[in-house]
């Protein structure tokens, strides 16, 4: 049966937000702009310092940085997508709660001390110190491509939700919200981004908690939610099937999720910037502990909200009833359906979704400006007045992303391809950093060849899988839904039995295209290591790779097995409270042997 567009329109019109909701949303945007103005124009510190703009002066507090990490890691797609995932596929996704702590611990112990000890402006600068300029530029280009593909999507998806519940054209919402984000990011630098992220993370949590509590009261308590979830077969916690083609299993999410989290935790410039914005390594550890806890709390709430959604619509699935078109529209529909009568709540929820999107966008723009100026364009830019070029780069990236939003909205099913690009680059980036920090004999040639092969193989798998999904050859059926209690049941449906998504035989699709998307980063990382290290050992070594390696270019667990040298004693005596002139000289002495 075709979607009844008139019924969708009636639902949207009847539940649009009121003036108070729009006022709440507008207040969020205005507050973000004010924070940007303060740190960009009114704060009395060195506004023209690169350290201040990119790293917040390296003296920021633990709590705002931790909240900023949470806000930038959570996007509007997460707020809408995770509850819908639980609604349609069950609770096996819960394993990401374990992954959050595990990946944070490994990143804190093995990777992040290297960045903190070197006090770099860009995490990709490490690759030049460890390998050469080519490897640094390759990683920087991968980061730029992934961010340029991702930012338009994270802005467009919540804009759709806003348009759905307000009736305001998405082409009007996107430019206004994006322009404000570009403004405060360009003017205020990292401090503005961190403090707006702090505000936005609080809004996100308040919106989700408020919606959850009201929905829980409406359904009659958690016991009713749990019983409905049992009836609907939504409760699945330990699917121990080792088959890698199963979309979600305990092992898929534990192993694949670990690598998917570890890569951005350790190789994403936006996150590494925040580690370097606090005074010392001890504070970084506290930030990561709070960050992991924040992720666990937020994702636990998302999982519980997904079960609440199912309990609320157990007998009348909104998609099957043609009230919405896709399950990722469930959250805004639920807010207005259950709590639309409460003035301001719809505005708070939409502000929460947009807060997640804007925090991810501002983080991406600030990181992109640093990577472009520090890693890619530095040889061609004048060294004086670098802060101006950083601001220009942030503004240009912002407006390019804004322009791409209007391209994204016409791509339809290709959105899935855009979201999967992260799986292509995350593995290559994690692999090359791991190769550098854990394998002293690894060379620049091994890093380049391993990374390129990783990109080719992983890209082939991702694009092949997305093509199979797009043509319908590969499908992942959802759990059963029902329209039994819909008021329109007698006129819209032939019967009132549960609607089952028929099992689909995927055996006709090539095995590698059926592998769970959670394994893409694992595959990419493994290829870099499996190819890069043998190439380093058996291929002719470049002159650059014959220079002495400083111990602090390697992970702490590897340093203990390397011979000591005089140069690497200096950072141990000065535990990085500030970037002194001595530390600057030390960082660049590593490159003098080139």
Protein backbone atom coordinates (compact mmCIF):
# COMPACT_ATOMS: atom_id res chain seq x y z
CA UNK A 1 0.00 0.00 0.00
CA UNK A 2 1.33 3.48 -0.91
CA UNK A 3 1.89 6.03 1.80
CA UNK A 4 -1.19 8.16 2.31
CA UNK A 5 0.39 11.57 2.01
CA UNK A 6 -2.72 13.37 3.22
CA UNK A 7 -2.70 11.53 6.53
CA UNK A 8 0.97 12.38 7.02
CA UNK A 9 0.20 16.04 6.32
CA UNK A 10 -2.74 16.08 8.74
CA UNK A 11 -0.61 14.66 11.54
CA UNK A 12 2.15 17.18 10.94
CA UNK A 13 -0.24 20.14 10.74
CA UNK A 14 -2.24 19.19 13.82
CA UNK A 15 0.82 18.90 16.02
CA UNK A 16 3.00 21.82 15.04
CA UNK A 17 4.87 23.74 17.70
CA UNK A 18 3.50 26.92 19.19
CA UNK A 19 5.09 30.32 19.74
CA UNK A 20 6.60 29.31 23.11
CA UNK A 21 8.29 26.29 21.49
CA UNK A 22 9.82 28.52 18.83
CA UNK A 23 10.93 30.95 21.55
CA UNK A 24 12.76 28.15 23.41
CA UNK A 25 14.50 27.07 20.22
CA UNK A 26 15.42 30.67 19.34
CA UNK A 27 16.82 31.22 22.85
CA UNK A 28 19.21 28.30 22.35
CA UNK A 29 20.54 29.79 19.10
CA UNK A 30 20.83 33.27 20.64
CA UNK A 31 22.70 31.95 23.69
CA UNK A 32 25.20 30.16 21.44
CA UNK A 33 25.80 33.37 19.48
CA UNK A 34 26.33 35.38 22.68
CA UNK A 35 28.92 32.87 23.95
CA UNK A 36 30.78 33.14 20.64
CA UNK A 37 30.76 36.93 20.82
CA UNK A 38 32.08 36.91 24.37
CA UNK A 39 35.06 34.66 23.70
CA UNK A 40 35.78 36.20 20.33
CA UNK A 41 35.36 39.88 21.12
CA UNK A 42 35.11 40.49 24.87
CA UNK A 43 37.39 37.98 26.55
CA UNK A 44 40.53 39.82 27.62
CA UNK A 45 42.96 37.01 26.88
CA UNK A 46 45.22 36.59 23.83
CA UNK A 47 42.55 36.38 21.14
CA UNK A 48 45.24 36.56 18.44
CA UNK A 49 47.14 33.52 19.70
CA UNK A 50 46.98 30.28 17.74
CA UNK A 51 47.23 28.40 21.02
CA UNK A 52 44.23 30.31 22.35
CA UNK A 53 42.14 29.82 19.21
CA UNK A 54 42.85 26.11 18.65
CA UNK A 55 43.60 24.88 22.17
CA UNK A 56 41.84 27.37 24.45
CA UNK A 57 45.19 28.41 25.92
CA UNK A 58 45.71 24.82 27.19
CA UNK A 59 44.24 25.76 30.58
CA UNK A 60 40.55 24.93 30.29
CA UNK A 61 38.60 23.21 33.03
CA UNK A 62 37.88 19.51 33.15
CA UNK A 63 34.07 19.60 33.30
CA UNK A 64 33.34 21.87 30.30
CA UNK A 65 35.83 19.93 28.17
CA UNK A 66 34.26 16.61 29.19
CA UNK A 67 30.77 17.90 28.42
CA UNK A 68 32.05 19.25 25.12
CA UNK A 69 33.41 15.80 24.24
CA UNK A 70 30.01 14.26 24.93
CA UNK A 71 28.15 16.93 22.95
CA UNK A 72 30.45 16.69 19.93
CA UNK A 73 30.32 12.88 19.89
CA UNK A 74 26.51 12.83 20.07
CA UNK A 75 24.77 14.13 16.95
CA UNK A 76 21.15 14.78 16.03
CA UNK A 77 21.30 11.51 14.11
CA UNK A 78 22.11 9.77 17.40
CA UNK A 79 19.16 11.29 19.23
CA UNK A 80 16.77 10.25 16.49
CA UNK A 81 18.49 7.10 15.29
CA UNK A 82 19.32 5.15 18.44
CA UNK A 83 15.78 4.98 19.87
CA UNK A 84 14.55 3.99 16.39
CA UNK A 85 17.22 1.27 16.28
CA UNK A 86 15.95 -0.22 19.54
CA UNK A 87 12.35 0.07 18.33
CA UNK A 88 13.03 -1.81 15.10
CA UNK A 89 15.83 -4.25 16.02
CA UNK A 90 15.85 -4.70 19.79
CA UNK A 91 18.28 -4.13 22.63
CA UNK A 92 21.38 -6.01 21.47
CA UNK A 93 22.78 -2.56 20.77
CA UNK A 94 23.30 -2.21 24.54
CA UNK A 95 26.87 -3.56 24.18
CA UNK A 96 28.03 -0.08 23.18
CA UNK A 97 27.76 0.78 26.88
CA UNK A 98 30.67 -1.58 27.57
CA UNK A 99 32.59 -0.23 24.60
CA UNK A 100 32.47 3.38 25.82
CA UNK A 101 34.52 2.64 28.93
CA UNK A 102 36.83 0.12 27.26
CA UNK A 103 37.77 2.36 24.34
CA UNK A 104 38.24 5.39 26.64
CA UNK A 105 40.55 3.41 28.93
CA UNK A 106 42.71 2.09 26.09
CA UNK A 107 42.90 5.54 24.48
CA UNK A 108 43.89 7.14 27.80
CA UNK A 109 46.58 4.60 28.64
CA UNK A 110 48.14 3.87 25.25
CA UNK A 111 47.56 6.68 22.77
CA UNK A 112 46.72 10.04 24.32
CA UNK A 113 49.91 10.39 26.45
CA UNK A 114 51.87 10.64 23.20
CA UNK A 115 49.88 13.67 22.03
CA UNK A 116 49.96 15.32 25.44
CA UNK A 117 53.72 14.90 25.84
CA UNK A 118 54.44 16.36 22.41
CA UNK A 119 51.95 19.27 22.84
CA UNK A 120 51.09 19.43 19.14
CA UNK A 121 48.63 21.82 17.51
CA UNK A 122 47.40 19.03 15.25
CA UNK A 123 47.35 15.31 15.95
CA UNK A 124 48.42 14.72 12.33
CA UNK A 125 51.64 16.61 13.01
CA UNK A 126 52.62 13.50 14.95
CA UNK A 127 52.69 11.51 11.70
CA UNK A 128 55.29 13.87 10.25
CA UNK A 129 57.48 13.55 13.33
CA UNK A 130 57.11 9.77 13.30
CA UNK A 131 57.09 9.14 9.53
CA UNK A 132 57.22 12.01 7.03
CA UNK A 133 55.24 14.87 5.49
CA UNK A 134 53.48 12.62 2.96
CA UNK A 135 51.90 10.47 5.66
CA UNK A 136 50.82 13.58 7.56
CA UNK A 137 49.17 15.09 4.50
CA UNK A 138 47.45 11.83 3.59
CA UNK A 139 45.87 11.54 7.05
CA UNK A 140 44.91 15.22 7.03
CA UNK A 141 43.18 14.87 3.65
CA UNK A 142 41.27 11.82 4.90
CA UNK A 143 40.05 13.79 7.89
CA UNK A 144 38.97 16.74 5.74
CA UNK A 145 37.07 14.49 3.33
CA UNK A 146 35.28 12.63 6.13
CA UNK A 147 34.24 15.85 7.87
CA UNK A 148 33.08 17.58 4.69
CA UNK A 149 30.91 14.53 3.92
CA UNK A 150 29.59 14.21 7.49
CA UNK A 151 28.79 17.79 8.55
CA UNK A 152 26.05 18.41 5.92
CA UNK A 153 24.30 15.19 6.94
CA UNK A 154 24.31 15.95 10.67
CA UNK A 155 22.79 19.36 9.96
CA UNK A 156 20.19 18.16 7.45
CA UNK A 157 18.73 15.29 9.51
CA UNK A 158 17.64 17.39 12.55
CA UNK A 159 16.46 20.10 10.15
CA UNK A 160 14.04 17.54 8.73
CA UNK A 161 12.73 16.85 12.24
CA UNK A 162 12.33 20.58 12.87
CA UNK A 163 10.48 21.02 9.58
CA UNK A 164 8.27 18.02 10.39
CA UNK A 165 7.05 19.42 13.70
CA UNK A 166 6.88 23.11 12.78
CA UNK A 167 5.94 23.18 9.11
CA UNK A 168 8.78 25.70 8.49
CA UNK A 169 10.65 25.02 5.25
CA UNK A 170 13.90 23.14 5.85
CA UNK A 171 15.60 25.48 3.35
CA UNK A 172 14.97 28.34 5.77
CA UNK A 173 15.94 26.50 8.97
CA UNK A 174 19.31 25.19 7.75
CA UNK A 175 20.86 28.54 6.67
CA UNK A 176 19.82 30.36 9.85
CA UNK A 177 21.05 27.71 12.30
CA UNK A 178 24.23 27.02 10.30
CA UNK A 179 25.08 30.72 9.97
CA UNK A 180 24.88 31.18 13.75
CA UNK A 181 27.09 28.13 14.28
CA UNK A 182 29.63 29.37 11.71
CA UNK A 183 29.62 32.78 13.38
CA UNK A 184 30.39 31.70 16.94
CA UNK A 185 32.89 29.05 15.82
CA UNK A 186 34.79 31.49 13.60
CA UNK A 187 34.82 34.34 16.11
CA UNK A 188 35.35 32.49 19.38
CA UNK A 189 37.59 29.52 18.53
CA UNK A 190 37.83 26.46 20.75
CA UNK A 191 36.67 28.21 23.92
CA UNK A 192 33.44 29.30 22.26
CA UNK A 193 32.96 25.79 20.89
CA UNK A 194 33.57 24.15 24.28
CA UNK A 195 31.25 26.47 26.21
CA UNK A 196 28.45 26.31 23.64
CA UNK A 197 28.89 22.53 23.68
CA UNK A 198 28.49 22.64 27.46
CA UNK A 199 25.22 24.55 27.13
CA UNK A 200 24.04 22.29 24.33
CA UNK A 201 24.92 19.05 26.15
CA UNK A 202 22.79 20.19 29.11
CA UNK A 203 19.93 20.98 26.72
CA UNK A 204 20.26 17.55 25.10
CA UNK A 205 20.03 15.71 28.39
CA UNK A 206 17.20 17.88 29.71
CA UNK A 207 15.19 17.33 26.54
CA UNK A 208 15.69 13.56 26.52
CA UNK A 209 15.02 13.13 30.25
CA UNK A 210 11.89 15.30 30.16
CA UNK A 211 10.46 13.46 27.16
CA UNK A 212 11.28 10.08 28.72
CA UNK A 213 9.67 10.90 32.07
CA UNK A 214 6.48 12.22 30.47
CA UNK A 215 6.27 9.19 28.18
CA UNK A 216 6.86 6.84 31.10
CA UNK A 217 4.06 8.45 33.11
CA UNK A 218 1.80 8.25 30.09
CA UNK A 219 2.42 4.50 29.61
CA UNK A 220 1.95 3.70 33.31
CA UNK A 221 5.48 2.98 34.49
CA UNK A 222 8.57 1.01 33.52
CA UNK A 223 7.01 -2.37 34.27
CA UNK A 224 4.53 -1.83 31.43
CA UNK A 225 7.38 -0.89 29.11
CA UNK A 226 9.28 -4.05 30.00
CA UNK A 227 6.29 -6.34 29.54
CA UNK A 228 5.47 -4.78 26.16
CA UNK A 229 9.09 -5.22 25.09
CA UNK A 230 8.98 -8.88 26.07
CA UNK A 231 5.79 -9.41 24.07
CA UNK A 232 7.34 -7.68 21.07
CA UNK A 233 10.61 -9.71 21.29
CA UNK A 234 12.62 -6.49 21.69
CA UNK A 235 14.74 -7.78 24.59
CA UNK A 236 17.98 -9.35 23.39
CA UNK A 237 21.18 -9.02 25.39
CA UNK A 238 23.56 -11.88 24.69
CA UNK A 239 23.37 -13.04 21.10
CA UNK A 240 26.69 -14.90 21.06
CA UNK A 241 26.52 -15.90 17.40
CA UNK A 242 30.09 -15.43 16.03
CA UNK A 243 28.83 -15.04 12.44
CA UNK A 244 30.31 -11.72 11.19
CA UNK A 245 27.44 -11.25 8.74
CA UNK A 246 24.91 -10.92 11.55
CA UNK A 247 24.10 -7.22 11.80
CA UNK A 248 24.20 -6.98 15.61
CA UNK A 249 25.55 -9.62 17.98
CA UNK A 250 27.39 -9.40 21.29
CA UNK A 251 30.74 -9.98 19.52
CA UNK A 252 29.96 -7.68 16.60
CA UNK A 253 29.22 -4.77 18.89
CA UNK A 254 31.95 -5.51 21.42
CA UNK A 255 34.78 -5.98 18.90
CA UNK A 256 33.54 -3.75 16.10
CA UNK A 257 32.22 -1.11 18.49
CA UNK A 258 35.56 -0.97 20.31
CA UNK A 259 37.43 -0.10 17.11
CA UNK A 260 34.69 2.28 15.95
CA UNK A 261 35.00 4.22 19.20
CA UNK A 262 38.76 3.95 19.61
CA UNK A 263 39.46 5.50 16.21
CA UNK A 264 37.74 8.87 16.77
CA UNK A 265 38.88 8.89 20.41
CA UNK A 266 42.52 8.80 19.25
CA UNK A 267 42.73 10.10 15.67
CA UNK A 268 40.02 12.76 15.37
CA UNK A 269 41.49 16.25 15.52
CA UNK A 270 38.36 17.64 17.16
CA UNK A 271 38.70 15.26 20.10
CA UNK A 272 42.50 15.48 20.41
CA UNK A 273 42.20 19.28 20.53
CA UNK A 274 40.15 18.96 23.68
CA UNK A 275 42.67 16.66 25.35
CA UNK A 276 45.32 19.31 24.70
CA UNK A 277 43.09 22.13 25.96
CA UNK A 278 43.49 21.06 29.62
CA UNK A 279 46.64 21.66 31.70
CA UNK A 280 48.05 18.16 32.19
CA UNK A 281 47.66 14.44 31.58
CA UNK A 282 45.95 13.83 34.92
CA UNK A 283 43.17 16.22 33.91
CA UNK A 284 42.90 14.46 30.56
CA UNK A 285 42.26 11.19 32.39
CA UNK A 286 39.49 12.83 34.41
CA UNK A 287 37.98 14.28 31.23
CA UNK A 288 37.92 10.88 29.58
CA UNK A 289 36.36 9.22 32.63
CA UNK A 290 33.59 11.85 32.68
CA UNK A 291 33.23 11.61 28.91
CA UNK A 292 32.78 7.83 29.00
CA UNK A 293 30.29 8.13 31.85
CA UNK A 294 28.35 10.78 29.94
CA UNK A 295 28.21 8.55 26.86
CA UNK A 296 26.99 5.58 28.90
CA UNK A 297 24.27 7.66 30.57
CA UNK A 298 23.10 9.19 27.32
CA UNK A 299 23.08 5.92 25.40
CA UNK A 300 21.34 4.13 28.29
CA UNK A 301 18.65 6.79 28.09
CA UNK A 302 18.43 6.31 24.31
CA UNK A 303 18.01 2.54 24.70
CA UNK A 304 15.33 2.98 27.37
CA UNK A 305 13.58 5.55 25.17
CA UNK A 306 13.55 3.09 22.29
CA UNK A 307 11.74 0.55 24.46
CA UNK A 308 9.36 3.27 25.62
CA UNK A 309 8.58 4.09 21.99
CA UNK A 310 7.74 0.47 21.28
CA UNK A 311 5.52 0.17 24.36
CA UNK A 312 3.67 3.34 23.36
CA UNK A 313 3.05 2.18 19.78
CA UNK A 314 2.95 -1.57 20.42
CA UNK A 315 -0.47 -1.89 18.81
CA UNK A 316 -0.26 0.91 16.26
CA UNK A 317 3.06 1.35 14.51
CA UNK A 318 3.14 4.95 13.14
CA UNK A 319 4.94 3.89 9.94
CA UNK A 320 2.54 1.02 9.20
CA UNK A 321 -0.34 3.36 9.99
CA UNK A 322 1.11 5.89 7.52
CA UNK A 323 1.39 8.63 10.15
CA UNK A 324 5.10 9.03 9.46
CA UNK A 325 7.21 7.80 6.58
CA UNK A 326 10.28 6.34 8.33
CA UNK A 327 11.07 5.03 11.79
CA UNK A 328 13.81 7.63 12.24
CA UNK A 329 10.96 10.17 12.50
CA UNK A 330 9.60 8.40 15.59
CA UNK A 331 11.18 10.68 18.19
CA UNK A 332 9.77 14.03 17.02
CA UNK A 333 6.41 12.35 16.32
CA UNK A 334 6.42 10.82 19.81
CA UNK A 335 7.21 14.15 21.48
CA UNK A 336 4.32 15.94 19.84
CA UNK A 337 1.96 12.96 20.09
CA UNK A 338 2.48 12.33 23.81
CA UNK A 339 3.54 15.71 25.14
CA UNK A 340 2.60 18.20 22.43
CA UNK A 341 0.01 19.74 24.75
CA UNK A 342 2.74 20.97 27.12
CA UNK A 343 3.85 24.47 26.02
CA UNK A 344 7.58 24.73 25.35
CA UNK A 345 8.37 21.00 25.47
CA UNK A 346 8.41 20.59 21.70
CA UNK A 347 10.77 23.54 21.48
CA UNK A 348 13.02 22.06 24.16
CA UNK A 349 13.22 18.76 22.29
CA UNK A 350 13.97 20.36 18.92
CA UNK A 351 16.54 22.58 20.64
CA UNK A 352 18.10 19.39 22.04
CA UNK A 353 18.31 17.79 18.59
CA UNK A 354 19.75 20.93 17.06
CA UNK A 355 22.16 21.33 19.97
CA UNK A 356 23.61 17.92 19.17
CA UNK A 357 23.90 18.83 15.50
CA UNK A 358 25.42 22.27 16.09
CA UNK A 359 27.94 20.95 18.62
CA UNK A 360 29.12 18.36 16.09
CA UNK A 361 29.25 21.01 13.36
CA UNK A 362 31.18 23.54 15.46
CA UNK A 363 33.66 20.87 16.54
CA UNK A 364 34.16 19.83 12.93
CA UNK A 365 34.67 23.39 11.69
CA UNK A 366 37.14 24.28 14.43
CA UNK A 367 39.11 21.08 13.77
CA UNK A 368 38.98 21.56 10.00
CA UNK A 369 40.39 25.08 10.26
CA UNK A 370 43.33 23.79 12.31
CA UNK A 371 44.04 20.88 9.95
CA UNK A 372 43.82 23.04 6.82
CA UNK A 373 46.07 25.80 8.17
CA UNK A 374 48.52 23.70 10.22
CA UNK A 375 48.74 20.53 8.12
CA UNK A 376 47.86 21.27 4.50
CA UNK A 377 48.24 24.96 3.65
CA UNK A 378 51.04 26.02 6.01
CA UNK A 379 53.80 26.13 3.31
CA UNK A 380 51.79 28.63 1.25
CA UNK A 381 50.43 30.85 4.02
CA UNK A 382 52.32 33.72 5.68
CA UNK A 383 53.44 32.86 9.20
CA UNK A 384 52.29 36.16 10.67
CA UNK A 385 48.65 36.70 11.62
CA UNK A 386 47.86 32.98 11.46
CA UNK A 387 44.74 33.54 13.55
CA UNK A 388 43.15 35.38 10.61
CA UNK A 389 43.73 32.40 8.32
CA UNK A 390 42.27 30.05 10.92
CA UNK A 391 39.10 32.12 11.04
CA UNK A 392 38.90 32.34 7.27
CA UNK A 393 39.34 28.57 6.98
CA UNK A 394 36.59 27.94 9.57
CA UNK A 395 34.21 30.29 7.76
CA UNK A 396 34.93 28.81 4.32
CA UNK A 397 34.46 25.25 5.60
CA UNK A 398 31.20 26.30 7.22
CA UNK A 399 29.74 27.82 4.08
CA UNK A 400 30.92 24.88 1.94
CA UNK A 401 29.15 22.53 4.36
CA UNK A 402 26.05 24.70 4.22
CA UNK A 403 26.05 24.57 0.41
CA UNK A 404 26.43 20.78 0.49
CA UNK A 405 23.32 20.47 2.69
CA UNK A 406 21.26 21.54 -0.31
CA UNK A 407 22.95 18.82 -2.35
CA UNK A 408 22.43 16.16 0.32
CA UNK A 409 18.68 16.70 0.49
CA UNK A 410 18.36 15.60 -3.16
CA UNK A 411 20.41 12.41 -2.80
CA UNK A 412 17.64 10.26 -1.30
CA UNK A 413 18.98 6.78 -0.54
CA UNK A 414 22.56 7.89 -1.12
CA UNK A 415 22.46 9.39 2.40
CA UNK A 416 23.38 5.92 3.65
CA UNK A 417 26.55 6.06 1.56
CA UNK A 418 27.50 9.44 3.07
CA UNK A 419 27.04 8.09 6.60
CA UNK A 420 29.14 5.02 5.77
CA UNK A 421 32.16 7.03 4.60
CA UNK A 422 33.32 7.14 8.21
CA UNK A 423 33.80 3.38 8.08
CA UNK A 424 36.24 3.85 5.20
CA UNK A 425 38.48 6.44 6.85
CA UNK A 426 38.31 5.42 10.53
CA UNK A 427 40.16 2.15 9.99
CA UNK A 428 42.95 3.68 7.90
CA UNK A 429 43.52 6.47 10.42
CA UNK A 430 43.53 4.19 13.46
CA UNK A 431 45.82 1.77 11.62
CA UNK A 432 48.44 4.36 10.70
CA UNK A 433 48.56 5.87 14.21
CA UNK A 434 48.77 2.39 15.75
CA UNK A 435 51.55 1.46 13.34
CA UNK A 436 53.48 4.56 14.35
CA UNK A 437 53.02 4.31 18.11
CA UNK A 438 53.42 0.55 18.62
CA UNK A 439 55.86 -0.61 15.91
CA UNK A 440 59.30 1.05 16.18
CA UNK A 441 60.46 -0.55 12.92
CA UNK A 442 57.50 0.73 10.91
CA UNK A 443 58.47 3.08 8.07
CA UNK A 444 56.75 5.78 6.08
CA UNK A 445 56.56 3.50 3.04
CA UNK A 446 54.77 0.83 5.06
CA UNK A 447 52.37 3.42 6.51
CA UNK A 448 51.49 4.83 3.08
CA UNK A 449 51.05 1.52 1.29
CA UNK A 450 49.09 -0.01 4.17
CA UNK A 451 46.79 3.01 4.43
CA UNK A 452 46.10 3.20 0.70
CA UNK A 453 45.31 -0.51 0.48
CA UNK A 454 43.07 -0.18 3.54
CA UNK A 455 41.12 2.63 1.90
CA UNK A 456 40.70 0.69 -1.34
CA UNK A 457 39.55 -2.56 0.28
CA UNK A 458 37.31 -0.98 2.93
CA UNK A 459 35.87 1.45 0.40
CA UNK A 460 35.01 -1.43 -1.92
CA UNK A 461 33.26 -3.30 0.88
CA UNK A 462 31.31 -0.27 2.10
CA UNK A 463 30.18 0.90 -1.33
CA UNK A 464 29.34 -2.66 -2.40
CA UNK A 465 27.23 -3.19 0.71
CA UNK A 466 25.43 0.13 0.26
CA UNK A 467 24.73 -0.69 -3.38
CA UNK A 468 23.25 -4.05 -2.34
CA UNK A 469 21.08 -2.31 0.27
CA UNK A 470 19.97 0.32 -2.21
CA UNK A 471 18.89 -2.28 -4.82
CA UNK A 472 17.19 -4.47 -2.20
CA UNK A 473 19.51 -7.45 -2.73
CA UNK A 474 20.66 -7.07 0.89
CA UNK A 475 18.05 -6.50 3.58
CA UNK A 476 17.91 -6.55 7.37
CA UNK A 477 14.25 -7.19 8.31
CA UNK A 478 12.88 -5.38 11.35
CA UNK A 479 11.13 -7.04 14.25
CA UNK A 480 7.31 -7.42 13.98
CA UNK A 481 5.04 -4.40 14.43
CA UNK A 482 1.27 -4.22 14.68
CA UNK A 483 -1.67 -1.97 13.74
CA UNK A 484 -4.20 -3.84 15.88
CA UNK A 485 -5.25 -0.91 18.03
CA UNK A 486 -5.12 1.84 15.39
CA UNK A 487 -8.35 3.81 15.26
CA UNK A 488 -8.14 3.73 11.46
CA UNK A 489 -7.59 -0.03 11.43
CA UNK A 490 -10.89 -1.01 9.80
CA UNK A 491 -10.44 1.35 6.86
CA UNK A 492 -6.69 1.29 6.35
CA UNK A 493 -5.85 -2.40 6.82
CA UNK A 494 -7.20 -5.74 5.70
CA UNK A 495 -6.59 -7.41 9.06
CA UNK A 496 -5.26 -6.67 12.52
CA UNK A 497 -2.62 -9.35 12.92
CA UNK A 498 0.97 -8.30 13.66
CA UNK A 499 2.84 -7.10 10.58
CA UNK A 500 5.91 -9.21 9.97
CA UNK A 501 8.85 -8.09 7.86
CA UNK A 502 9.38 -11.30 5.90
CA UNK A 503 12.79 -12.99 6.27
CA UNK A 504 15.08 -12.19 3.39
CA UNK A 505 17.69 -14.51 1.89
CA UNK A 506 20.93 -12.53 1.61
CA UNK A 507 23.01 -15.50 0.45
CA UNK A 508 23.02 -14.17 -3.11
CA UNK A 509 25.11 -11.20 -2.02
CA UNK A 510 28.87 -11.65 -1.91
CA UNK A 511 30.09 -12.54 1.60
CA UNK A 512 32.26 -9.44 2.17
CA UNK A 513 29.28 -7.19 1.37
CA UNK A 514 27.22 -8.98 4.02
CA UNK A 515 29.74 -8.35 6.81
CA UNK A 516 28.28 -6.22 9.61
CA UNK A 517 28.99 -2.52 9.22
CA UNK A 518 30.49 -2.54 12.72
CA UNK A 519 33.49 -4.48 11.35
CA UNK A 520 34.49 -1.92 8.72
CA UNK A 521 36.91 -0.10 11.04
CA UNK A 522 38.31 -3.42 12.28
CA UNK A 523 39.02 -4.50 8.70
CA UNK A 524 40.59 -1.16 7.78
CA UNK A 525 42.86 -1.15 10.84
CA UNK A 526 43.91 -4.78 10.34
CA UNK A 527 44.87 -4.16 6.71
CA UNK A 528 47.13 -1.24 7.61
CA UNK A 529 48.96 -3.33 10.21
CA UNK A 530 49.05 -6.58 8.21
CA UNK A 531 50.43 -4.83 5.13
CA UNK A 532 52.27 -1.85 6.57
CA UNK A 533 54.55 -3.70 8.96
CA UNK A 534 55.83 -6.38 6.50
CA UNK A 535 56.40 -3.66 3.89
CA UNK A 536 58.39 -1.73 6.51
CA UNK A 537 60.53 -4.78 7.29
CA UNK A 538 61.17 -6.15 3.82
CA UNK A 539 61.15 -3.10 1.55
CA UNK A 540 64.02 -0.69 1.08
CA UNK A 541 64.08 1.96 3.80
CA UNK A 542 63.92 5.64 2.87
CA UNK A 543 66.58 8.03 4.16
CA UNK A 544 63.98 9.75 6.35
CA UNK A 545 63.24 6.47 8.12
CA UNK A 546 66.89 6.03 9.10
CA UNK A 547 66.90 9.02 11.45
CA UNK A 548 66.92 8.31 15.22
CA UNK A 549 63.52 7.75 16.81
CA UNK A 550 62.70 9.57 20.03
CA UNK A 551 61.12 7.42 22.72
CA UNK A 552 58.20 9.72 23.32
CA UNK A 553 56.98 9.17 19.75
CA UNK A 554 55.82 5.76 20.93
CA UNK A 555 53.10 4.53 23.25
CA UNK A 556 54.07 4.35 26.94
CA UNK A 557 53.79 0.56 26.84
CA UNK A 558 56.45 0.48 24.09
CA UNK A 559 58.73 3.15 25.54
CA UNK A 560 59.84 0.91 28.39
CA UNK A 561 61.47 -1.45 25.86
CA UNK A 562 63.34 1.27 23.97
CA UNK A 563 66.77 2.65 24.86
CA UNK A 564 66.75 5.99 26.65
CA UNK A 565 68.16 9.14 25.09
CA UNK A 566 68.91 12.53 26.56
CA UNK A 567 66.37 14.51 24.55
CA UNK A 568 63.30 12.68 25.79
CA UNK A 569 64.06 13.37 29.44
CA UNK A 570 62.99 17.00 29.18
CA UNK A 571 59.21 16.44 28.84
CA UNK A 572 59.30 14.14 31.88
CA UNK A 573 60.71 16.96 34.01
CA UNK A 574 58.18 19.46 32.71
CA UNK A 575 54.76 17.74 32.88
CA UNK A 576 53.15 19.99 30.30
CA UNK A 577 51.54 22.63 32.43
CA UNK A 578 52.18 25.09 29.59
CA UNK A 579 53.94 24.99 26.26
CA UNK A 580 57.19 26.68 27.19
CA UNK A 581 59.83 27.89 24.75
CA UNK A 582 61.94 24.90 25.77
CA UNK A 583 59.11 22.50 24.83
CA UNK A 584 58.64 24.24 21.49
CA UNK A 585 62.34 23.86 20.72
CA UNK A 586 62.18 20.21 21.73
CA UNK A 587 59.24 19.49 19.43
CA UNK A 588 61.01 20.91 16.41
CA UNK A 589 64.36 19.34 17.16
CA UNK A 590 62.77 16.06 16.12
CA UNK A 591 62.48 17.40 12.60
CA UNK A 592 66.03 18.82 12.42
CA UNK A 593 67.49 15.47 11.38
CA UNK A 594 65.42 15.40 8.18
